[in-house]
Structures are given as C-alpha cells and as structure tokens.
Amino acid sequence: MDENQEVAVVKPNEPFPLSAPIIAHGEKLTELTLRRPTPLEARAIKALPYKIDADEAVSLDLDVAAKYIAVCAAVPPSSVNQLDLADLNSLAWVVAGFFMTPASKPSTT
C-alpha cells in the first residue's frame, strides 16, 4: 500500500462502504453494517475469529471470521464470499475486536 491510499476504518453498528458491491438476498449491497455477535451465536459457531500464536501474536482465522461476518451483517455466506479481499480483511478484524473489547465501558457514577 502506498502512502496515498486510505485504510478504511470500520466501526461496529456503522455502515462500512464496500469497495465493490455484493449481492445478498437478491439485492445489490454497497455497504454492510456489523453488529456484535451474541454469546449464543458465538457458541453456535464454536470458535473464535482469531488465534493467539506461541509468540502471543494475534492472527485471524479467516474461515471463522467469515461465519461471524455473515451472522453479524445478516447476509448469507455466499455473499461474504463475494467481498473484495480488502473489505473481508477489514470486516474480519472488526469481528475479532468484538471479542477483545467490552461492548461498553462501566459507568463511573
């Protein structure tokens, strides 16, 4: 990536503009919105979207992350397979982040 390219910042529950449209439920989508998965959904998928290596580096498990993207964006797995690789990577890291940060900060009042 050169210095003039922008990296897309993906935030949960905010629309993420796709580099290329995908088809989901018979409709052309130009953006996806991810919500946090529920504990029930995480238990049903039976895996985390990331792995912690022996050197403690975090790496994505792209197959698992794709399952969460389908669930959290309410699109079929076949639509996730249409994503541009850069979009897939960005959305996969958002999903991994759901498991590494709390949904909200505890109140101090």
Protein backbone atom coordinates (compact mmCIF):
# COMPACT_ATOMS: atom_id res chain seq x y z
CA MET A 1 0.00 0.00 0.00
CA ASP A 2 1.41 3.40 -0.87
CA GLU A 3 1.16 6.49 1.29
CA ASN A 4 -1.70 7.97 -0.79
CA GLN A 5 -4.08 5.06 -0.19
CA GLU A 6 -6.53 5.29 2.66
CA VAL A 7 -7.25 2.46 5.05
CA ALA A 8 -10.95 2.05 5.77
CA VAL A 9 -11.86 2.43 9.42
CA VAL A 10 -14.64 0.08 10.35
CA LYS A 11 -16.78 0.74 13.41
CA PRO A 12 -19.43 -1.60 14.79
CA ASN A 13 -23.03 -0.67 14.03
CA GLU A 14 -21.96 1.90 11.42
CA PRO A 15 -22.21 1.31 7.67
CA PHE A 16 -18.98 0.16 6.02
CA PRO A 17 -18.78 1.16 2.35
CA LEU A 18 -17.74 -1.80 0.22
CA SER A 19 -15.01 -1.49 -2.41
CA ALA A 20 -17.24 -3.45 -4.79
CA PRO A 21 -20.94 -4.27 -4.43
CA ILE A 22 -22.12 -7.73 -3.43
CA ILE A 23 -25.46 -9.46 -3.87
CA ALA A 24 -27.36 -10.59 -0.76
CA HIS A 25 -30.98 -11.73 -0.60
CA GLY A 26 -31.36 -10.77 -4.26
CA GLU A 27 -30.31 -7.17 -3.61
CA LYS A 28 -27.14 -5.30 -4.57
CA LEU A 29 -25.38 -4.05 -1.43
CA THR A 30 -22.80 -1.28 -1.44
CA GLU A 31 -22.27 -1.26 2.34
CA LEU A 32 -22.50 -3.61 5.32
CA THR A 33 -23.21 -2.89 8.96
CA LEU A 34 -21.79 -5.28 11.56
CA ARG A 35 -23.33 -5.74 14.99
CA ARG A 36 -21.72 -7.55 17.90
CA PRO A 37 -22.46 -11.29 17.96
CA THR A 38 -24.42 -12.66 20.88
CA PRO A 39 -22.98 -15.30 23.22
CA LEU A 40 -25.48 -17.78 21.74
CA GLU A 41 -24.21 -17.07 18.22
CA ALA A 42 -20.59 -17.41 19.34
CA ARG A 43 -21.38 -20.75 20.98
CA ALA A 44 -23.14 -21.93 17.82
CA ILE A 45 -20.10 -21.08 15.67
CA LYS A 46 -17.92 -22.87 18.28
CA ALA A 47 -14.72 -20.95 17.53
CA LEU A 48 -13.11 -17.57 17.96
CA PRO A 49 -12.31 -15.48 14.86
CA TYR A 50 -8.66 -15.21 15.86
CA LYS A 51 -5.79 -17.28 17.20
CA ILE A 52 -3.04 -16.35 19.61
CA ASP A 53 0.26 -17.75 18.37
CA ALA A 54 3.08 -19.10 20.54
CA ASP A 55 4.79 -15.70 20.36
CA GLU A 56 1.48 -14.14 21.54
CA ALA A 57 0.82 -12.53 18.17
CA VAL A 58 -2.85 -12.37 17.21
CA SER A 59 -3.78 -13.74 13.78
CA LEU A 60 -7.15 -14.03 12.10
CA ASP A 61 -8.92 -17.31 11.48
CA LEU A 62 -10.48 -16.14 8.24
CA ASP A 63 -12.88 -19.09 7.89
CA VAL A 64 -14.34 -18.43 11.33
CA ALA A 65 -14.36 -14.65 10.86
CA ALA A 66 -16.34 -15.13 7.62
CA LYS A 67 -19.01 -17.05 9.56
CA TYR A 68 -19.30 -14.17 12.03
CA ILE A 69 -19.47 -11.60 9.22
CA ALA A 70 -22.41 -13.49 7.71
CA VAL A 71 -24.23 -13.61 11.06
CA CYS A 72 -23.39 -10.08 12.21
CA ALA A 73 -24.15 -8.43 8.86
CA ALA A 74 -27.25 -10.60 8.25
CA VAL A 75 -26.05 -11.79 4.85
CA PRO A 76 -25.65 -15.34 3.53
CA PRO A 77 -22.18 -16.95 3.49
CA SER A 78 -22.29 -16.84 -0.32
CA SER A 79 -22.42 -13.04 -0.09
CA VAL A 80 -19.39 -12.96 2.21
CA ASN A 81 -17.55 -14.94 -0.49
CA GLN A 82 -18.17 -12.04 -2.90
CA LEU A 83 -16.38 -9.47 -0.73
CA ASP A 84 -13.28 -7.75 -2.01
CA LEU A 85 -10.26 -9.07 -0.09
CA ALA A 86 -9.53 -5.69 1.49
CA ASP A 87 -13.14 -5.46 2.72
CA LEU A 88 -13.03 -9.03 4.01
CA ASN A 89 -9.84 -8.26 5.94
CA SER A 90 -11.22 -5.04 7.46
CA LEU A 91 -14.51 -6.65 8.48
CA ALA A 92 -12.72 -9.72 9.90
CA TRP A 93 -10.62 -7.53 12.20
CA VAL A 94 -13.76 -5.74 13.41
CA VAL A 95 -15.27 -9.13 14.28
CA ALA A 96 -12.09 -10.13 16.13
CA GLY A 97 -12.24 -6.83 18.02
CA PHE A 98 -15.69 -7.69 19.36
CA PHE A 99 -14.04 -10.44 21.39
CA MET A 100 -11.20 -8.26 22.68
CA THR A 101 -13.09 -5.21 23.90
CA PRO A 102 -16.20 -4.87 26.08
CA ALA A 103 -19.42 -3.68 24.46
CA SER A 104 -19.48 -0.63 26.71
CA LYS A 105 -17.37 0.90 29.41
CA PRO A 106 -18.56 0.51 33.01
CA SER A 107 -20.17 3.61 34.44
CA THR A 108 -18.08 5.54 36.99
CA THR A 109 -21.06 7.32 38.52
